[in-house]
Amino acid sequence: MSTLQSRGLISRLHQHLISLSSTSSSSAAAQTPFLFHLLTRRYFSSDALLDGSQILQQQPTRFIHATPAVMTPNSKRTGLIAIKCGMTALWDKWGARLPITILWVDDNIVSQVKTVEKEGIFSLQIGCGHKKVKHLTKPEVGHFRAQGVSLKRKLKEFPITEDAILSVGTSIGVRHFIPGQYVDVTGISGGKGFQGGMKRWGFKGMSASHGTSLTHRSIGSTGQRDAPGKVFKGKKMPGRMGGKQRTVKNVWIYKIDPARNLMWVKGQVPGATGNFVFIKDAVYKKPDVLQLPFPTYFAKEDEDVTDLEPLVADLGEVDPFMVADS
């Protein structure tokens, strides 16, 4: 009964405010809905039990307009998602053989922006590749449609600083990095299945002679006697090997191809051919902040990407082999 009476009181109050707004000016009429919701929220909701200091104020909307800027030593840029295409070998201009891994940056765009006002952090969600609607769940499709971006195959969130924010839909290519800089590459290492102690941990194994029978590759004893009478946690034993997230630090970029969004890096990176890897600026061997495009590389309006030549790292003018001979 009390609920019905309160509902009737609210209805009559609303009608009374509408009648007042019809005889008042247009400015007062515009404030009528606000006054009505303010009164009803104050007296007929749980917020009436709170004082003014406990009611959170709505933060203003942040308008993001990214433009080229100068990177500072404390700035942190976003990373990229690439696909590992395999390994090969190249010879530089001095004749040195370089083990090379080829990475393909497949249509990276900013799919979501997180700010301190809403999520409590500054980060960018990057999407890579393309995927059909039938291969995505409904929540995933709803996420992409809410952000107004195309359907992506892989998503990854990279923490950034406030000055490195990019707007949703910004395309990020391979020129986000420059040849000669160092990066950290993260991926899922190749799984090797269940392996023994010799392969998994590098154990020596048992003796190959002197009475050893059928236990040449055994790890040996794993515990003690009555005290403590157990195997300690963390003991290196046979088990599943590989298939874990690993990061290779200080990977050197030898060459990039803007026309095909390809990157040649020196050495190996985690993962099998076709797997996704995540690339970001190196933590230890930091690049020169004055040379990096910040917050990313913005292509010119009249720039034709198909006509761009590959960019190779500067190897200097001194032959390393001549220096070694001297």
Protein backbone atom coordinates (compact mmCIF):
# COMPACT_ATOMS: atom_id res chain seq x y z
CA MET A 1 0.00 0.00 0.00
CA SER A 2 2.81 2.39 0.89
CA THR A 3 4.49 1.55 -2.41
CA LEU A 4 1.36 2.49 -4.36
CA GLN A 5 1.00 5.73 -2.42
CA SER A 6 4.64 6.71 -3.10
CA ARG A 7 4.15 5.96 -6.80
CA GLY A 8 1.05 8.11 -6.88
CA LEU A 9 2.88 10.94 -5.12
CA ILE A 10 5.69 10.79 -7.67
CA SER A 11 3.19 10.81 -10.55
CA ARG A 12 1.35 13.83 -9.16
CA LEU A 13 4.66 15.63 -8.57
CA HIS A 14 5.70 14.98 -12.16
CA GLN A 15 2.40 16.29 -13.52
CA HIS A 16 2.68 19.38 -11.35
CA LEU A 17 6.16 20.18 -12.64
CA ILE A 18 5.01 19.69 -16.23
CA SER A 19 2.12 22.11 -15.70
CA LEU A 20 4.53 24.67 -14.26
CA SER A 21 6.91 24.27 -17.19
CA SER A 22 4.09 24.90 -19.70
CA THR A 23 3.51 28.36 -18.22
CA SER A 24 7.19 29.23 -17.65
CA SER A 25 9.96 30.20 -20.02
CA SER A 26 11.83 27.82 -22.28
CA SER A 27 14.93 27.86 -20.06
CA ALA A 28 12.92 26.76 -17.04
CA ALA A 29 11.25 24.07 -19.14
CA ALA A 30 14.64 22.71 -20.08
CA GLN A 31 15.54 22.38 -16.40
CA THR A 32 12.28 20.64 -15.41
CA PRO A 33 13.39 17.04 -16.17
CA PHE A 34 16.59 17.65 -14.23
CA LEU A 35 14.67 19.01 -11.23
CA PHE A 36 12.24 16.11 -11.30
CA HIS A 37 14.98 13.48 -11.37
CA LEU A 38 16.90 15.36 -8.69
CA LEU A 39 13.90 15.40 -6.33
CA THR A 40 12.89 11.82 -6.93
CA ARG A 41 16.46 10.62 -6.54
CA ARG A 42 16.89 12.62 -3.32
CA TYR A 43 13.76 11.42 -1.53
CA PHE A 44 12.73 8.13 -3.19
CA SER A 45 16.00 6.24 -3.75
CA SER A 46 18.86 4.77 -1.76
CA ASP A 47 20.94 7.88 -2.53
CA ALA A 48 18.84 9.70 0.05
CA LEU A 49 20.84 7.85 2.72
CA LEU A 50 24.11 9.36 1.43
CA ASP A 51 25.41 12.85 1.87
CA GLY A 52 26.70 14.97 -0.98
CA SER A 53 30.34 13.95 -0.52
CA GLN A 54 29.52 10.28 -1.07
CA ILE A 55 27.79 10.71 -4.42
CA LEU A 56 30.29 10.33 -7.25
CA GLN A 57 30.33 13.06 -9.84
CA GLN A 58 30.36 12.11 -13.51
CA GLN A 59 33.73 12.74 -15.13
CA PRO A 60 33.84 14.89 -18.27
CA THR A 61 34.28 13.10 -21.58
CA ARG A 62 37.83 13.04 -22.91
CA PHE A 63 38.19 14.06 -26.56
CA ILE A 64 41.16 12.29 -28.19
CA HIS A 65 42.89 13.90 -31.14
CA ALA A 66 46.32 12.37 -31.72
CA THR A 67 48.94 14.45 -33.53
CA PRO A 68 52.70 13.97 -34.02
CA ALA A 69 54.61 15.01 -30.91
CA VAL A 70 58.01 14.70 -29.27
CA MET A 71 58.60 11.67 -27.11
CA THR A 72 59.99 12.16 -23.62
CA PRO A 73 62.16 9.68 -21.65
CA ASN A 74 59.15 8.87 -19.45
CA SER A 75 56.76 8.29 -22.36
CA LYS A 76 55.56 4.78 -23.15
CA ARG A 77 54.22 3.93 -26.59
CA THR A 78 51.83 1.17 -27.56
CA GLY A 79 53.02 -2.11 -29.03
CA LEU A 80 51.99 -4.11 -32.08
CA ILE A 81 50.66 -7.58 -32.90
CA ALA A 82 52.50 -9.51 -35.60
CA ILE A 83 52.38 -12.97 -37.16
CA LYS A 84 55.54 -15.05 -37.27
CA CYS A 85 56.21 -16.03 -40.88
CA GLY A 86 59.32 -18.15 -40.29
CA MET A 87 63.11 -17.86 -40.29
CA THR A 88 65.73 -17.36 -42.96
CA ALA A 89 69.24 -15.96 -43.32
CA LEU A 90 70.52 -12.75 -44.92
CA TRP A 91 73.94 -11.30 -45.59
CA ASP A 92 74.53 -7.65 -44.77
CA LYS A 93 76.64 -5.27 -46.85
CA TRP A 94 79.82 -6.42 -45.09
CA GLY A 95 79.17 -10.07 -45.84
CA ALA A 96 78.15 -11.11 -42.34
CA ARG A 97 75.47 -13.79 -42.14
CA LEU A 98 72.45 -12.82 -40.03
CA PRO A 99 69.82 -15.27 -38.71
CA ILE A 100 66.52 -13.54 -39.50
CA THR A 101 62.92 -13.97 -38.33
CA ILE A 102 60.25 -12.42 -40.56
CA LEU A 103 57.22 -10.86 -38.84
CA TRP A 104 54.06 -9.65 -40.58
CA VAL A 105 52.13 -6.74 -39.02
CA ASP A 106 48.66 -7.56 -40.33
CA ASP A 107 46.34 -4.51 -40.30
CA ASN A 108 46.79 -3.33 -36.71
CA ILE A 109 44.23 -0.76 -35.51
CA VAL A 110 43.21 0.71 -32.16
CA SER A 111 40.03 -1.14 -31.16
CA GLN A 112 39.53 0.41 -27.69
CA VAL A 113 40.93 3.23 -25.58
CA LYS A 114 41.05 3.00 -21.79
CA THR A 115 41.54 6.14 -19.71
CA VAL A 116 41.98 6.93 -16.04
CA GLU A 117 38.58 8.64 -15.86
CA LYS A 118 36.67 5.49 -16.84
CA GLU A 119 38.85 2.39 -16.39
CA GLY A 120 41.49 3.75 -14.03
CA ILE A 121 44.46 3.21 -16.40
CA PHE A 122 45.84 4.46 -19.68
CA SER A 123 46.05 1.66 -22.24
CA LEU A 124 45.23 0.84 -25.84
CA GLN A 125 43.62 -2.33 -27.12
CA ILE A 126 45.12 -3.27 -30.47
CA GLY A 127 43.36 -5.55 -32.97
CA CYS A 128 45.11 -7.58 -35.65
CA GLY A 129 43.92 -9.43 -38.74
CA HIS A 130 40.37 -10.10 -39.88
CA LYS A 131 37.70 -12.58 -38.86
CA LYS A 132 34.19 -13.49 -40.01
CA VAL A 133 31.13 -12.95 -37.86
CA LYS A 134 30.36 -16.68 -37.73
CA HIS A 135 33.74 -17.33 -36.10
CA LEU A 136 33.15 -14.87 -33.24
CA THR A 137 30.91 -15.03 -30.17
CA LYS A 138 28.07 -12.55 -29.75
CA PRO A 139 29.86 -10.62 -26.96
CA GLU A 140 32.90 -10.24 -29.20
CA VAL A 141 30.81 -9.00 -32.11
CA GLY A 142 29.03 -6.57 -29.80
CA HIS A 143 32.36 -5.24 -28.54
CA PHE A 144 33.62 -4.49 -32.06
CA ARG A 145 30.32 -2.90 -33.11
CA ALA A 146 30.19 -0.74 -30.00
CA GLN A 147 33.65 0.59 -30.80
CA GLY A 148 32.81 1.02 -34.49
CA VAL A 149 35.76 -1.01 -35.82
CA SER A 150 36.05 -4.03 -38.08
CA LEU A 151 36.09 -7.57 -36.70
CA LYS A 152 39.57 -8.57 -35.59
CA ARG A 153 41.24 -11.93 -35.20
CA LYS A 154 43.48 -11.13 -32.23
CA LEU A 155 43.32 -8.51 -29.46
CA LYS A 156 46.04 -7.34 -27.11
CA GLU A 157 46.10 -4.53 -24.55
CA PHE A 158 49.24 -2.43 -24.14
CA PRO A 159 49.70 -0.03 -21.20
CA ILE A 160 50.78 3.48 -22.25
CA THR A 161 51.29 6.94 -20.83
CA GLU A 162 48.76 9.72 -21.18
CA ASP A 163 50.68 11.51 -23.95
CA ALA A 164 50.68 8.36 -26.15
CA ILE A 165 46.90 8.01 -26.49
CA LEU A 166 45.51 7.28 -29.96
CA SER A 167 41.91 7.51 -31.09
CA VAL A 168 39.82 4.43 -31.88
CA GLY A 169 40.29 3.26 -35.45
CA THR A 170 43.82 4.60 -35.84
CA SER A 171 45.84 2.34 -38.13
CA ILE A 172 49.33 1.34 -36.90
CA GLY A 173 51.79 -0.03 -39.42
CA VAL A 174 55.27 -1.44 -39.37
CA ARG A 175 56.75 2.09 -39.46
CA HIS A 176 55.75 2.39 -35.82
CA PHE A 177 59.26 1.02 -35.30
CA ILE A 178 62.50 2.07 -37.01
CA PRO A 179 65.35 -0.11 -38.32
CA GLY A 180 68.22 -0.41 -35.88
CA GLN A 181 66.18 -0.15 -32.69
CA TYR A 182 65.74 -2.90 -30.11
CA VAL A 183 62.37 -4.40 -29.20
CA ASP A 184 60.99 -7.01 -26.81
CA VAL A 185 59.02 -9.82 -28.50
CA THR A 186 56.52 -11.92 -26.52
CA GLY A 187 54.90 -15.14 -27.71
CA ILE A 188 53.91 -18.68 -26.80
CA SER A 189 56.88 -21.02 -27.08
CA GLY A 190 56.58 -24.19 -29.11
CA GLY A 191 55.02 -27.07 -27.18
CA LYS A 192 57.13 -30.25 -26.97
CA GLY A 193 54.74 -32.44 -25.03
CA PHE A 194 55.67 -34.66 -22.08
CA GLN A 195 59.46 -34.92 -21.86
CA GLY A 196 61.94 -36.56 -19.56
CA GLY A 197 64.35 -34.93 -17.15
CA MET A 198 67.34 -35.06 -19.49
CA LYS A 199 65.65 -33.08 -22.26
CA ARG A 200 63.50 -30.86 -20.06
CA TRP A 201 66.12 -29.84 -17.49
CA GLY A 202 69.42 -30.97 -18.99
CA PHE A 203 70.08 -33.70 -16.43
CA LYS A 204 73.13 -35.91 -16.94
CA GLY A 205 71.20 -39.16 -16.54
CA MET A 206 72.43 -42.42 -15.04
CA SER A 207 75.57 -44.32 -15.90
CA ALA A 208 75.74 -45.93 -19.31
CA SER A 209 77.49 -49.04 -17.94
CA HIS A 210 78.46 -50.81 -14.70
CA GLY A 211 75.22 -52.59 -14.09
CA THR A 212 72.72 -49.89 -15.07
CA SER A 213 69.71 -51.62 -16.58
CA LEU A 214 66.84 -49.87 -18.37
CA THR A 215 67.35 -46.63 -16.39
CA HIS A 216 70.04 -44.85 -18.42
CA ARG A 217 67.87 -41.72 -18.82
CA SER A 218 66.35 -41.75 -15.34
CA ILE A 219 66.56 -38.63 -13.15
CA GLY A 220 67.57 -40.67 -10.10
CA SER A 221 66.38 -40.12 -6.55
CA THR A 222 63.69 -37.51 -5.94
CA GLY A 223 63.32 -37.57 -2.15
CA GLN A 224 64.93 -38.47 1.19
CA ARG A 225 64.27 -41.02 3.92
CA ASP A 226 61.74 -40.91 6.73
CA ALA A 227 62.52 -37.24 7.31
CA PRO A 228 60.96 -35.37 5.59
CA GLY A 229 59.46 -38.36 3.81
CA LYS A 230 58.14 -36.37 0.85
CA VAL A 231 59.13 -34.74 -2.43
CA PHE A 232 59.52 -30.99 -2.12
CA LYS A 233 57.43 -28.76 -4.33
CA GLY A 234 59.23 -27.44 -7.38
CA LYS A 235 61.41 -30.51 -7.82
CA LYS A 236 62.66 -30.76 -11.40
CA MET A 237 61.03 -33.87 -12.81
CA PRO A 238 59.65 -35.13 -16.13
CA GLY A 239 56.60 -33.22 -17.30
CA ARG A 240 55.08 -31.04 -19.95
CA MET A 241 57.65 -28.93 -21.79
CA GLY A 242 57.09 -25.71 -23.74
CA GLY A 243 53.81 -24.05 -24.65
CA LYS A 244 54.34 -21.15 -22.23
CA GLN A 245 54.50 -17.38 -22.68
CA ARG A 246 58.07 -16.23 -23.08
CA THR A 247 59.67 -12.86 -23.91
CA VAL A 248 62.89 -12.44 -25.86
CA LYS A 249 64.44 -9.10 -24.92
CA ASN A 250 66.60 -6.76 -26.99
CA VAL A 251 65.72 -8.11 -30.43
CA TRP A 252 67.41 -6.01 -33.13
CA ILE A 253 65.34 -4.81 -36.10
CA TYR A 254 67.38 -5.26 -39.27
CA LYS A 255 64.89 -4.15 -41.93
CA ILE A 256 61.26 -3.12 -42.42
CA ASP A 257 59.13 -3.11 -45.58
CA PRO A 258 56.28 -0.54 -45.35
CA ALA A 259 54.73 -1.70 -48.62
CA ARG A 260 54.05 -5.21 -47.27
CA ASN A 261 54.09 -4.46 -43.52
CA LEU A 262 56.97 -6.90 -42.99
CA MET A 263 59.71 -6.72 -40.39
CA TRP A 264 63.06 -8.55 -40.35
CA VAL A 265 64.50 -9.06 -36.87
CA LYS A 266 67.79 -10.69 -35.90
CA GLY A 267 67.60 -13.99 -34.07
CA GLN A 268 64.72 -16.12 -32.89
CA VAL A 269 61.39 -15.18 -31.34
CA PRO A 270 59.00 -17.44 -29.37
CA GLY A 271 56.30 -19.37 -31.15
CA ALA A 272 55.77 -21.55 -34.18
CA THR A 273 55.24 -20.31 -37.71
CA GLY A 274 51.82 -18.67 -37.96
CA ASN A 275 51.58 -17.78 -34.27
CA PHE A 276 50.91 -14.29 -32.94
CA VAL A 277 53.69 -12.35 -31.23
CA PHE A 278 53.56 -9.01 -29.42
CA ILE A 279 56.22 -6.39 -30.12
CA LYS A 280 57.00 -3.34 -27.99
CA ASP A 281 59.93 -1.00 -27.37
CA ALA A 282 62.79 -2.64 -25.48
CA VAL A 283 62.94 -2.01 -21.74
CA TYR A 284 66.70 -2.36 -21.25
CA LYS A 285 68.19 -1.20 -24.56
CA LYS A 286 65.95 1.81 -24.91
CA PRO A 287 65.78 3.43 -28.35
CA ASP A 288 66.55 7.08 -29.03
CA VAL A 289 63.34 8.93 -28.17
CA LEU A 290 64.13 11.68 -30.67
CA GLN A 291 64.08 9.24 -33.60
CA LEU A 292 60.95 7.25 -32.78
CA PRO A 293 57.62 8.38 -34.29
CA PHE A 294 55.41 9.44 -31.42
CA PRO A 295 52.76 8.43 -30.52
CA THR A 296 52.94 6.50 -33.81
CA TYR A 297 53.80 7.07 -37.45
CA PHE A 298 51.21 9.19 -39.26
CA ALA A 299 51.36 8.74 -43.04
CA LYS A 300 51.06 11.79 -45.26
CA GLU A 301 47.89 12.27 -47.27
CA ASP A 302 49.67 12.02 -50.65
CA GLU A 303 51.96 9.14 -49.61
CA ASP A 304 51.73 6.00 -51.76
CA VAL A 305 52.75 3.06 -49.59
CA THR A 306 53.20 0.70 -52.56
CA ASP A 307 56.08 2.82 -53.90
CA LEU A 308 58.09 2.80 -50.65
CA GLU A 309 61.38 0.93 -50.59
CA PRO A 310 62.45 -1.27 -47.66
CA LEU A 311 64.35 0.53 -44.90
CA VAL A 312 67.57 -1.11 -43.67
CA ALA A 313 69.39 -0.41 -40.42
CA ASP A 314 72.54 1.71 -40.60
CA LEU A 315 75.55 -0.61 -40.26
CA GLY A 316 78.16 2.14 -40.24
CA GLU A 317 81.08 2.78 -42.57
CA VAL A 318 83.67 0.56 -40.89
CA ASP A 319 84.08 -3.02 -42.10
CA PRO A 320 83.96 -5.20 -38.95
CA PHE A 321 86.10 -7.88 -40.63
CA MET A 322 88.88 -5.39 -41.42
CA VAL A 323 88.86 -4.19 -37.82
CA ALA A 324 89.12 -7.78 -36.58
CA ASP A 325 92.10 -8.51 -38.84
CA SER A 326 93.96 -5.43 -37.67
